[in-house]
N, C-alpha and C. Protein backbone atom coordinates (compact mmCIF):
# COMPACT_ATOMS: atom_id res chain seq x y z
N MET A 1 14.85 -45.67 -39.84
CA MET A 1 14.04 -46.16 -39.03
C MET A 1 13.24 -44.98 -39.54
N HIS A 2 11.29 -45.29 -39.39
CA HIS A 2 10.33 -44.20 -39.58
C HIS A 2 9.67 -43.83 -38.12
N ILE A 3 9.71 -42.78 -37.92
CA ILE A 3 9.06 -42.26 -36.61
C ILE A 3 8.07 -41.56 -36.99
N LEU A 4 6.91 -41.82 -36.16
CA LEU A 4 5.49 -41.55 -36.24
C LEU A 4 5.33 -40.34 -35.03
N ILE A 5 5.27 -39.41 -35.04
CA ILE A 5 4.78 -38.43 -34.08
C ILE A 5 3.35 -38.17 -34.20
N ALA A 6 2.38 -38.47 -32.97
CA ALA A 6 0.95 -37.80 -33.24
C ALA A 6 1.20 -36.64 -32.26
N THR A 7 -0.13 -35.85 -32.92
CA THR A 7 -0.21 -34.53 -32.54
C THR A 7 -1.68 -34.45 -32.16
N ASP A 8 -2.10 -33.79 -31.06
CA ASP A 8 -3.61 -33.16 -30.87
C ASP A 8 -3.48 -31.86 -30.75
N GLY A 9 -2.87 -31.33 -31.61
CA GLY A 9 -2.75 -29.78 -31.66
C GLY A 9 -2.46 -29.08 -30.46
N SER A 10 -1.94 -29.70 -29.54
CA SER A 10 -1.65 -29.24 -27.84
C SER A 10 -0.27 -28.67 -27.84
N ARG A 11 0.19 -27.96 -26.97
CA ARG A 11 1.33 -27.21 -26.77
C ARG A 11 2.29 -28.63 -26.39
N GLN A 12 1.61 -29.51 -25.39
CA GLN A 12 2.67 -30.82 -25.06
C GLN A 12 2.92 -31.69 -26.55
N SER A 13 1.69 -31.57 -27.33
CA SER A 13 2.55 -32.56 -28.36
C SER A 13 4.07 -31.94 -29.29
N LEU A 14 3.94 -30.66 -28.99
CA LEU A 14 4.91 -29.97 -29.71
C LEU A 14 6.02 -30.23 -28.82
N THR A 15 6.08 -29.87 -27.70
CA THR A 15 6.97 -30.38 -26.63
C THR A 15 7.23 -31.95 -27.00
N ALA A 16 6.71 -32.76 -26.79
CA ALA A 16 6.92 -34.15 -27.37
C ALA A 16 7.63 -34.20 -28.66
N ALA A 17 7.72 -33.40 -29.70
CA ALA A 17 8.53 -33.41 -30.84
C ALA A 17 10.06 -32.60 -30.62
N ARG A 18 9.62 -31.72 -29.79
CA ARG A 18 11.04 -31.09 -29.60
C ARG A 18 12.01 -32.43 -28.97
N HIS A 19 11.30 -32.92 -27.82
CA HIS A 19 12.05 -33.99 -27.07
C HIS A 19 12.67 -34.80 -27.82
N LEU A 20 12.13 -35.19 -28.54
CA LEU A 20 12.77 -36.41 -29.64
C LEU A 20 13.87 -35.78 -30.20
N LYS A 21 13.93 -34.72 -30.74
CA LYS A 21 14.88 -34.12 -31.31
C LYS A 21 16.24 -34.16 -30.47
N THR A 22 15.77 -34.09 -29.02
CA THR A 22 17.48 -33.93 -27.87
C THR A 22 18.22 -35.25 -28.24
N PHE A 23 17.53 -35.95 -28.50
CA PHE A 23 18.38 -37.81 -27.88
C PHE A 23 18.39 -38.54 -29.71
N VAL A 24 17.63 -38.46 -30.58
CA VAL A 24 17.80 -39.40 -31.41
C VAL A 24 18.50 -38.56 -33.06
N ASP A 25 19.74 -39.50 -33.01
CA ASP A 25 20.46 -39.00 -33.90
C ASP A 25 19.48 -39.47 -35.58
N PRO A 26 19.73 -38.27 -36.05
CA PRO A 26 19.19 -37.87 -37.03
C PRO A 26 19.56 -38.48 -38.42
N GLU A 27 20.41 -39.06 -38.43
CA GLU A 27 21.55 -39.81 -39.60
C GLU A 27 20.60 -41.26 -39.75
N LYS A 28 20.31 -41.63 -38.40
CA LYS A 28 19.36 -43.10 -38.13
C LYS A 28 17.98 -43.25 -38.28
N VAL A 29 17.18 -42.05 -38.50
CA VAL A 29 16.15 -42.03 -38.88
C VAL A 29 15.76 -41.49 -40.26
N SER A 30 14.59 -42.54 -41.17
CA SER A 30 14.72 -42.23 -42.60
C SER A 30 13.72 -41.43 -42.74
N ASP A 31 12.63 -41.31 -42.18
CA ASP A 31 11.15 -40.67 -42.41
C ASP A 31 11.03 -40.18 -41.07
N ILE A 32 9.74 -39.10 -41.30
CA ILE A 32 9.13 -39.08 -40.03
C ILE A 32 7.74 -38.67 -40.47
N SER A 33 6.95 -39.37 -39.93
CA SER A 33 5.67 -39.07 -40.23
C SER A 33 4.97 -38.25 -39.06
N ILE A 34 4.07 -37.04 -39.22
CA ILE A 34 3.71 -36.32 -37.96
C ILE A 34 1.99 -36.57 -38.49
N LEU A 35 1.23 -37.23 -37.20
CA LEU A 35 -0.33 -37.62 -37.92
C LEU A 35 -1.06 -36.55 -36.61
N ALA A 36 -2.22 -36.12 -37.61
CA ALA A 36 -3.51 -35.39 -36.56
C ALA A 36 -4.48 -36.38 -36.40
N VAL A 37 -5.34 -36.87 -36.10
CA VAL A 37 -6.36 -37.59 -36.00
C VAL A 37 -7.38 -36.54 -35.75
N ILE A 38 -8.60 -36.34 -36.84
CA ILE A 38 -9.69 -35.66 -36.31
C ILE A 38 -11.31 -36.86 -36.00
N ARG A 39 -11.56 -36.22 -34.48
CA ARG A 39 -12.45 -37.07 -34.08
C ARG A 39 -13.57 -36.81 -34.84
N PRO A 40 -14.35 -37.65 -35.25
CA PRO A 40 -15.52 -37.63 -36.15
C PRO A 40 -16.60 -37.27 -35.56
N LEU A 41 -17.63 -36.23 -35.63
CA LEU A 41 -18.59 -36.02 -35.02
C LEU A 41 -18.25 -35.22 -33.40
N ALA A 42 -16.99 -34.76 -33.60
CA ALA A 42 -16.13 -34.68 -32.11
C ALA A 42 -17.56 -33.04 -31.35
N ALA A 43 -17.67 -33.11 -30.53
CA ALA A 43 -18.35 -31.97 -29.87
C ALA A 43 -17.09 -30.83 -29.37
N VAL A 44 -16.25 -31.34 -29.64
CA VAL A 44 -14.92 -29.97 -29.23
C VAL A 44 -14.43 -30.19 -30.70
N ALA A 45 -13.76 -29.10 -30.77
CA ALA A 45 -12.91 -28.70 -32.35
C ALA A 45 -11.68 -29.23 -31.79
N PHE A 46 -10.50 -29.75 -33.10
CA PHE A 46 -9.25 -30.28 -33.03
C PHE A 46 -8.51 -28.75 -32.41
N ALA A 47 -7.56 -28.85 -31.41
CA ALA A 47 -7.11 -28.06 -30.67
C ALA A 47 -6.15 -27.48 -31.83
N ASP A 48 -6.04 -26.13 -31.37
CA ASP A 48 -4.91 -25.64 -32.31
C ASP A 48 -4.26 -24.37 -31.87
N GLU A 49 -3.40 -25.14 -30.38
CA GLU A 49 -2.71 -24.06 -29.38
C GLU A 49 -1.60 -23.73 -30.35
N LEU A 50 -0.82 -24.06 -31.04
CA LEU A 50 0.30 -24.12 -31.65
C LEU A 50 0.56 -23.04 -32.43
N THR A 51 -0.76 -22.52 -33.30
CA THR A 51 -0.70 -21.55 -34.07
C THR A 51 -1.69 -20.37 -33.93
N ALA A 52 -2.13 -20.45 -32.92
CA ALA A 52 -3.50 -19.56 -32.27
C ALA A 52 -2.76 -18.12 -32.25
N GLY A 53 -1.53 -17.68 -32.24
CA GLY A 53 -1.27 -16.37 -31.39
C GLY A 53 -0.39 -16.26 -33.32
N GLN A 54 -0.62 -16.73 -33.96
CA GLN A 54 -0.05 -16.53 -35.26
C GLN A 54 -0.92 -15.81 -36.21
N ARG A 55 -2.52 -16.50 -35.93
CA ARG A 55 -3.49 -15.88 -36.79
C ARG A 55 -3.80 -14.35 -36.44
N GLN A 56 -4.44 -13.86 -37.04
CA GLN A 56 -4.63 -12.35 -37.03
C GLN A 56 -5.96 -12.33 -36.00
N ALA A 57 -5.87 -11.11 -35.62
CA ALA A 57 -7.35 -11.08 -34.91
C ALA A 57 -8.34 -10.28 -35.73
N ALA A 58 -8.22 -9.77 -36.55
CA ALA A 58 -9.10 -9.49 -37.60
C ALA A 58 -9.70 -10.42 -38.46
N ASP A 59 -9.32 -11.85 -38.08
CA ASP A 59 -9.65 -12.83 -38.87
C ASP A 59 -10.78 -13.62 -38.08
N LYS A 60 -12.00 -13.08 -37.99
CA LYS A 60 -12.84 -13.80 -37.38
C LYS A 60 -13.25 -15.50 -37.36
N THR A 61 -12.80 -15.70 -38.36
CA THR A 61 -13.65 -17.25 -38.78
C THR A 61 -12.87 -18.20 -38.13
N ALA A 62 -13.89 -19.07 -37.66
CA ALA A 62 -12.87 -20.39 -37.28
C ALA A 62 -12.64 -21.47 -38.47
N LEU A 63 -11.35 -21.85 -38.16
CA LEU A 63 -11.14 -23.07 -38.77
C LEU A 63 -11.58 -24.24 -38.77
N THR A 64 -12.06 -24.72 -40.04
CA THR A 64 -12.45 -25.84 -39.66
C THR A 64 -11.71 -27.36 -38.91
N PHE A 65 -12.21 -28.44 -38.61
CA PHE A 65 -10.70 -28.95 -37.78
C PHE A 65 -9.81 -29.35 -39.13
N ARG A 66 -10.43 -29.58 -40.09
CA ARG A 66 -9.15 -30.28 -40.64
C ARG A 66 -7.71 -29.30 -41.03
N GLU A 67 -8.45 -27.90 -40.80
CA GLU A 67 -7.52 -26.72 -41.34
C GLU A 67 -6.97 -26.79 -40.14
N ALA A 68 -7.60 -26.53 -38.68
CA ALA A 68 -6.64 -26.43 -37.97
C ALA A 68 -5.71 -27.70 -37.06
N ALA A 69 -6.23 -28.67 -37.97
CA ALA A 69 -5.44 -30.07 -38.07
C ALA A 69 -4.21 -29.76 -38.86
N ALA A 70 -4.15 -29.22 -40.10
CA ALA A 70 -3.35 -28.95 -40.74
C ALA A 70 -2.11 -28.17 -40.63
N SER A 71 -2.56 -26.89 -39.73
CA SER A 71 -2.03 -25.90 -39.20
C SER A 71 -1.34 -26.57 -38.15
N ALA A 72 -1.93 -27.35 -37.06
CA ALA A 72 -0.71 -27.98 -35.99
C ALA A 72 0.40 -28.53 -36.93
N LEU A 73 -0.29 -29.29 -37.88
CA LEU A 73 1.16 -30.33 -38.37
C LEU A 73 2.21 -29.77 -39.05
N SER A 74 1.73 -28.81 -39.65
CA SER A 74 2.81 -27.46 -40.29
C SER A 74 3.86 -26.73 -38.97
N THR A 75 3.28 -26.55 -38.25
CA THR A 75 3.76 -26.14 -37.15
C THR A 75 4.78 -26.87 -36.61
N ILE A 76 4.42 -28.25 -36.34
CA ILE A 76 5.45 -29.24 -35.60
C ILE A 76 6.52 -29.83 -37.04
N ALA A 77 5.92 -29.62 -38.04
CA ALA A 77 6.83 -29.86 -39.64
C ALA A 77 8.00 -29.26 -39.40
N GLU A 78 7.53 -27.77 -38.92
CA GLU A 78 8.87 -26.54 -38.88
C GLU A 78 10.07 -27.30 -38.20
N GLU A 79 9.35 -27.53 -36.73
CA GLU A 79 10.62 -28.37 -36.44
C GLU A 79 11.68 -29.05 -36.80
N PHE A 80 11.39 -29.54 -37.34
CA PHE A 80 12.44 -30.36 -38.62
C PHE A 80 12.72 -30.49 -39.59
N ASP A 81 12.54 -28.91 -40.26
CA ASP A 81 13.27 -28.30 -41.24
C ASP A 81 14.51 -28.41 -40.78
N GLY A 82 15.07 -29.08 -41.91
CA GLY A 82 16.90 -29.09 -42.08
C GLY A 82 17.58 -29.81 -41.02
N TRP A 83 16.50 -30.61 -40.51
CA TRP A 83 17.31 -31.59 -39.59
C TRP A 83 17.66 -32.89 -39.89
N GLY A 84 17.14 -33.21 -41.00
CA GLY A 84 17.72 -34.53 -41.88
C GLY A 84 16.67 -35.56 -42.62
N PRO A 85 16.07 -36.18 -41.64
CA PRO A 85 14.99 -36.73 -42.34
C PRO A 85 13.57 -36.60 -42.90
N GLU A 86 12.77 -37.15 -44.10
CA GLU A 86 11.70 -36.51 -44.85
C GLU A 86 10.86 -36.29 -43.79
N VAL A 87 10.03 -35.35 -43.95
CA VAL A 87 8.85 -35.39 -43.22
C VAL A 87 7.41 -35.09 -43.91
N HIS A 88 6.78 -36.10 -43.32
CA HIS A 88 5.20 -36.40 -44.35
C HIS A 88 4.39 -35.77 -43.28
N GLN A 89 3.35 -35.59 -43.53
CA GLN A 89 2.04 -34.92 -42.74
C GLN A 89 0.80 -35.50 -43.09
N ARG A 90 0.50 -36.22 -42.07
CA ARG A 90 -1.03 -36.96 -42.46
C ARG A 90 -2.03 -36.54 -41.35
N ILE A 91 -3.31 -36.81 -42.49
CA ILE A 91 -4.47 -36.38 -41.35
C ILE A 91 -5.50 -37.55 -41.43
N ARG A 92 -5.91 -38.15 -40.58
CA ARG A 92 -6.82 -38.88 -40.26
C ARG A 92 -7.98 -38.63 -39.67
N SER A 93 -8.97 -39.51 -39.84
CA SER A 93 -10.78 -39.01 -39.19
C SER A 93 -10.39 -40.63 -38.43
N GLY A 94 -10.93 -40.36 -37.10
CA GLY A 94 -11.34 -41.72 -36.34
C GLY A 94 -11.14 -41.54 -35.10
N SER A 95 -11.06 -42.63 -34.67
CA SER A 95 -10.45 -42.99 -32.82
C SER A 95 -9.30 -42.46 -33.15
N PRO A 96 -8.69 -41.44 -32.16
CA PRO A 96 -7.36 -41.24 -32.54
C PRO A 96 -6.28 -42.44 -31.84
N ALA A 97 -6.40 -43.49 -30.76
CA ALA A 97 -6.02 -44.43 -30.79
C ALA A 97 -5.86 -45.31 -31.83
N ASN A 98 -6.93 -45.40 -32.40
CA ASN A 98 -6.90 -46.86 -33.34
C ASN A 98 -6.26 -46.09 -34.50
N GLU A 99 -6.51 -44.86 -34.90
CA GLU A 99 -5.68 -44.38 -35.92
C GLU A 99 -4.18 -44.25 -36.02
N ILE A 100 -3.75 -43.77 -34.67
CA ILE A 100 -2.24 -43.95 -34.40
C ILE A 100 -2.01 -45.24 -34.65
N ILE A 101 -2.49 -46.40 -34.22
CA ILE A 101 -2.23 -47.90 -34.48
C ILE A 101 -2.08 -48.48 -35.98
N LYS A 102 -2.84 -47.94 -36.41
CA LYS A 102 -2.99 -48.31 -37.89
C LYS A 102 -1.95 -47.34 -39.04
N CYS A 103 -1.94 -46.40 -38.48
CA CYS A 103 -0.65 -45.64 -39.39
C CYS A 103 0.28 -45.73 -39.34
N ALA A 104 0.76 -46.23 -37.57
CA ALA A 104 2.20 -46.94 -37.48
C ALA A 104 2.20 -48.03 -38.33
N LYS A 105 1.78 -49.61 -38.39
CA LYS A 105 1.79 -50.28 -38.96
C LYS A 105 1.79 -50.07 -40.38
N GLN A 106 1.33 -49.01 -41.30
CA GLN A 106 0.92 -49.03 -42.49
C GLN A 106 2.44 -48.29 -42.84
N VAL A 107 3.22 -47.70 -41.87
CA VAL A 107 4.40 -46.86 -42.58
C VAL A 107 5.42 -47.54 -41.76
N GLU A 108 5.32 -48.52 -41.25
CA GLU A 108 6.07 -49.38 -40.81
C GLU A 108 7.03 -48.69 -39.60
N ALA A 109 6.51 -48.12 -38.48
CA ALA A 109 7.23 -47.14 -37.86
C ALA A 109 8.05 -47.92 -36.90
N GLY A 110 9.34 -47.58 -36.65
CA GLY A 110 9.86 -48.00 -35.42
C GLY A 110 9.81 -47.61 -34.01
N LEU A 111 8.93 -46.40 -34.31
CA LEU A 111 8.66 -45.50 -32.92
C LEU A 111 7.52 -44.29 -33.14
N ILE A 112 6.86 -44.80 -32.19
CA ILE A 112 5.93 -43.77 -32.32
C ILE A 112 5.74 -42.79 -30.64
N VAL A 113 5.67 -41.34 -31.16
CA VAL A 113 6.07 -40.19 -30.40
C VAL A 113 4.38 -40.13 -29.56
N VAL A 114 3.93 -39.92 -28.37
CA VAL A 114 2.63 -39.28 -28.12
C VAL A 114 3.22 -38.44 -27.29
N ALA A 115 2.24 -37.34 -26.81
CA ALA A 115 2.32 -36.65 -25.34
C ALA A 115 1.03 -36.91 -24.99
N SER A 116 1.35 -37.25 -23.64
CA SER A 116 0.34 -37.16 -22.63
C SER A 116 0.43 -36.36 -21.65
N GLY A 117 -1.27 -35.98 -21.46
CA GLY A 117 -1.67 -34.41 -20.81
C GLY A 117 -1.79 -33.45 -21.48
N GLY A 118 -1.89 -33.60 -23.03
CA GLY A 118 -2.09 -32.47 -23.92
C GLY A 118 -3.29 -31.84 -23.75
N ARG A 119 -4.41 -32.41 -24.03
CA ARG A 119 -6.08 -31.88 -24.84
C ARG A 119 -6.73 -33.17 -24.14
N GLY A 120 -8.21 -31.71 -23.69
CA GLY A 120 -9.43 -32.80 -23.34
C GLY A 120 -10.02 -31.82 -22.04
N VAL A 121 -11.31 -32.88 -21.81
CA VAL A 121 -12.04 -32.16 -20.88
C VAL A 121 -11.33 -32.41 -19.76
N SER A 122 -10.50 -33.89 -19.27
CA SER A 122 -9.76 -34.05 -18.28
C SER A 122 -8.12 -34.68 -19.17
N SER A 123 -7.56 -33.71 -19.00
CA SER A 123 -5.96 -34.80 -19.43
C SER A 123 -6.10 -35.72 -19.30
N THR A 124 -6.15 -36.26 -18.10
CA THR A 124 -5.96 -38.14 -17.99
C THR A 124 -7.16 -38.74 -18.34
N VAL A 125 -8.19 -38.57 -18.17
CA VAL A 125 -9.42 -39.04 -19.39
C VAL A 125 -9.05 -39.36 -20.27
N LEU A 126 -8.57 -38.18 -21.51
CA LEU A 126 -8.75 -38.46 -22.92
C LEU A 126 -7.40 -38.47 -23.51
N VAL A 127 -6.55 -37.60 -23.07
CA VAL A 127 -5.46 -37.79 -23.66
C VAL A 127 -4.43 -39.09 -23.09
N GLY A 128 -4.52 -38.82 -21.89
CA GLY A 128 -3.98 -40.13 -21.29
C GLY A 128 -4.43 -41.48 -21.82
N SER A 129 -5.58 -41.77 -21.69
CA SER A 129 -6.17 -42.91 -22.30
C SER A 129 -5.91 -43.05 -23.71
N THR A 130 -5.49 -41.93 -24.73
CA THR A 130 -5.19 -42.37 -26.03
C THR A 130 -3.62 -42.89 -26.03
N ALA A 131 -2.71 -42.07 -25.15
CA ALA A 131 -1.71 -42.34 -24.80
C ALA A 131 -1.34 -43.68 -23.94
N GLN A 132 -2.13 -44.32 -23.44
CA GLN A 132 -2.41 -45.84 -22.74
C GLN A 132 -2.53 -46.62 -23.98
N ARG A 133 -3.66 -46.21 -24.65
CA ARG A 133 -4.02 -47.05 -25.14
C ARG A 133 -3.26 -47.66 -26.48
N VAL A 134 -2.51 -46.60 -27.24
CA VAL A 134 -1.46 -46.85 -28.02
C VAL A 134 -0.35 -47.48 -27.22
N GLN A 135 0.32 -47.41 -26.36
CA GLN A 135 1.05 -47.80 -25.30
C GLN A 135 0.99 -49.07 -25.34
N ASN A 136 -0.30 -49.70 -25.59
CA ASN A 136 -0.51 -50.92 -25.07
C ASN A 136 -0.79 -51.97 -26.25
N TYR A 137 -0.87 -51.11 -27.32
CA TYR A 137 -1.46 -52.02 -28.82
C TYR A 137 -0.73 -51.97 -29.97
N ALA A 138 0.38 -50.51 -29.78
CA ALA A 138 1.14 -50.40 -30.74
C ALA A 138 1.93 -51.41 -31.33
N PRO A 139 2.02 -51.64 -32.68
CA PRO A 139 3.36 -52.59 -33.02
C PRO A 139 4.46 -52.47 -32.99
N CYS A 140 5.13 -51.36 -32.01
CA CYS A 140 6.48 -50.91 -31.93
C CYS A 140 6.94 -50.25 -30.37
N PRO A 141 7.99 -49.94 -30.27
CA PRO A 141 8.12 -48.50 -29.04
C PRO A 141 7.34 -47.57 -29.20
N VAL A 142 6.82 -46.93 -27.98
CA VAL A 142 6.20 -45.94 -27.83
C VAL A 142 6.92 -45.24 -26.74
N LEU A 143 7.32 -43.84 -27.30
CA LEU A 143 7.70 -42.71 -26.15
C LEU A 143 6.67 -41.81 -26.07
N VAL A 144 6.31 -41.87 -24.59
CA VAL A 144 4.94 -41.01 -24.17
C VAL A 144 5.72 -40.12 -23.41
N VAL A 145 5.82 -38.49 -23.95
CA VAL A 145 6.13 -37.57 -22.93
C VAL A 145 5.46 -37.09 -22.15
N ARG A 146 5.52 -37.07 -20.85
CA ARG A 146 4.72 -36.38 -19.91
C ARG A 146 5.05 -35.03 -20.02
N PRO A 147 4.14 -33.97 -19.21
CA PRO A 147 4.42 -32.68 -19.15
C PRO A 147 5.34 -32.40 -18.08
N ALA A 148 5.76 -31.85 -18.26
CA ALA A 148 6.93 -31.23 -16.95
C ALA A 148 5.85 -30.83 -15.52
N PRO A 149 6.38 -31.77 -14.66
CA PRO A 149 5.88 -31.17 -13.29
C PRO A 149 5.77 -29.80 -12.74
N ARG A 150 4.38 -29.90 -12.52
CA ARG A 150 4.14 -28.22 -11.84
C ARG A 150 5.18 -27.54 -11.19
N GLN A 151 5.89 -26.81 -10.82
CA GLN A 151 6.15 -26.38 -9.64
C GLN A 151 5.86 -25.61 -8.52
N LYS A 152 5.74 -25.89 -7.46
CA LYS A 152 5.05 -25.33 -6.39
C LYS A 152 5.11 -24.23 -6.44
N PRO A 153 4.80 -23.35 -5.75
CA PRO A 153 4.62 -22.24 -5.18
C PRO A 153 5.52 -21.87 -4.34
N VAL A 154 6.95 -21.16 -4.17
CA VAL A 154 7.99 -20.89 -3.08
C VAL A 154 7.02 -20.04 -2.23
N ARG A 155 7.03 -20.60 -1.02
CA ARG A 155 6.43 -20.09 0.29
C ARG A 155 7.77 -19.12 1.08
N ARG A 156 7.16 -17.63 1.05
CA ARG A 156 8.31 -16.92 1.54
C ARG A 156 8.03 -17.36 3.14
N PRO A 157 8.81 -17.45 3.94
CA PRO A 157 8.82 -17.24 5.46
C PRO A 157 7.76 -16.13 5.95
N LYS A 158 7.00 -15.99 6.63
CA LYS A 158 6.52 -14.88 6.75
C LYS A 158 7.34 -13.47 7.79
N ALA A 159 7.31 -12.60 7.38
CA ALA A 159 8.39 -11.43 7.92
C ALA A 159 7.83 -11.66 9.56
N GLU A 160 8.67 -11.56 10.47
CA GLU A 160 8.20 -11.68 11.78
C GLU A 160 7.53 -10.24 12.24
N LYS A 161 6.38 -10.16 12.98
CA LYS A 161 5.93 -8.97 13.26
C LYS A 161 6.75 -8.58 14.19
N PRO A 162 6.63 -7.15 14.60
CA PRO A 162 7.47 -6.64 15.58
C PRO A 162 6.24 -7.03 17.26
N ALA A 163 7.26 -7.00 18.10
CA ALA A 163 6.45 -7.64 19.16
C ALA A 163 5.43 -6.48 19.58
N LYS A 164 3.89 -7.20 20.06
CA LYS A 164 2.90 -5.85 20.79
C LYS A 164 3.46 -5.45 22.15
N ALA A 165 2.96 -4.38 22.18
CA ALA A 165 3.25 -4.05 23.57
C ALA A 165 1.80 -4.83 24.81
N GLN A 166 2.52 -5.54 25.53
CA GLN A 166 1.74 -6.56 26.24
C GLN A 166 0.88 -5.33 27.17
N LYS A 167 -0.69 -5.61 26.81
CA LYS A 167 -1.73 -5.09 27.57
C LYS A 167 -1.72 -5.44 29.18
N ALA A 168 -2.29 -4.67 30.25
CA ALA A 168 -2.33 -4.90 31.32
C ALA A 168 -3.21 -6.01 31.25
N PRO A 169 -3.50 -6.92 32.13
CA PRO A 169 -4.44 -8.25 32.39
C PRO A 169 -5.43 -7.29 32.48
N LYS A 170 -6.64 -7.59 32.26
CA LYS A 170 -8.05 -7.14 32.83
C LYS A 170 -8.40 -7.59 33.73
N THR A 171 -8.83 -6.56 34.41
CA THR A 171 -9.36 -6.69 36.27
C THR A 171 -10.95 -7.28 35.64
N PRO A 172 -11.42 -8.39 36.77
CA PRO A 172 -12.82 -8.93 36.62
C PRO A 172 -13.61 -8.13 36.82
N ARG A 173 -14.65 -8.09 36.39
CA ARG A 173 -15.97 -7.01 36.41
C ARG A 173 -16.39 -7.53 37.81
N ARG A 174 -17.18 -6.49 38.43
CA ARG A 174 -17.80 -7.06 39.61
C ARG A 174 -19.02 -6.87 39.07
N VAL A 175 -19.29 -8.35 39.68
CA VAL A 175 -21.01 -8.45 39.16
C VAL A 175 -21.84 -8.32 40.87
N ARG A 176 -23.03 -7.54 40.90
CA ARG A 176 -23.44 -7.07 41.81
C ARG A 176 -24.93 -8.02 41.91
N LYS A 177 -24.78 -8.54 42.86
CA LYS A 177 -26.30 -9.29 43.30
C LYS A 177 -27.28 -8.76 43.38
N ALA A 178 -28.40 -9.06 43.08
CA ALA A 178 -29.54 -8.13 43.46
C ALA A 178 -29.81 -8.91 44.78
N SER A 179 -30.26 -7.53 45.27
CA SER A 179 -30.62 -8.07 46.85
C SER A 179 -32.12 -7.72 46.83
N SER A 180 -32.86 -9.31 47.38
CA SER A 180 -33.82 -8.99 47.46
C SER A 180 -34.44 -8.23 49.32
N SER A 181 -35.45 -7.78 48.98
CA SER A 181 -35.85 -6.91 50.21
C SER A 181 -36.90 -7.69 50.58
N SER A 182 -37.05 -8.48 51.80
CA SER A 182 -37.94 -9.23 52.49
C SER A 182 -37.75 -8.84 53.84
N ASP A 183 -37.70 -7.72 54.16
CA ASP A 183 -37.91 -7.14 55.59
C ASP A 183 -39.30 -7.21 55.77
């Protein structure tokens, strides 16, 4: 079986690739293709959350979209070093959902792995919609790996405050009425 892993350069896409390894038998996988899609005329650069820490701070030059995509592909490919199947790295340009589906057809993928909630202005609008489109139109099964739910902060019960000494009730103030002298 040929598995296609789509990445947008987010940490969530790396998590999706790692999740795949937890339940798939590498002996049943012939090839793994890792695909990054660059959006033409994108206002936002390709995410490279995967290798940002590896770049030296002295290097102030920004990576091109293609270099950022290649860097993200390499990081995910390293996860599969020595795992078994042959790994192919692919970069395409276009609509992410359309390119993922086209690539799946071309390589005759038996499974597509995508992350949901990885990157974008709103994770549910951009990445969520990409995962949803791939899921609806893919020629094979799709594994959508969702981010782990955020843990709610644990609220500790407030320590009981020592009882305050009760004050004596206030006595009402006497109000004097102005007397009118009409004698």
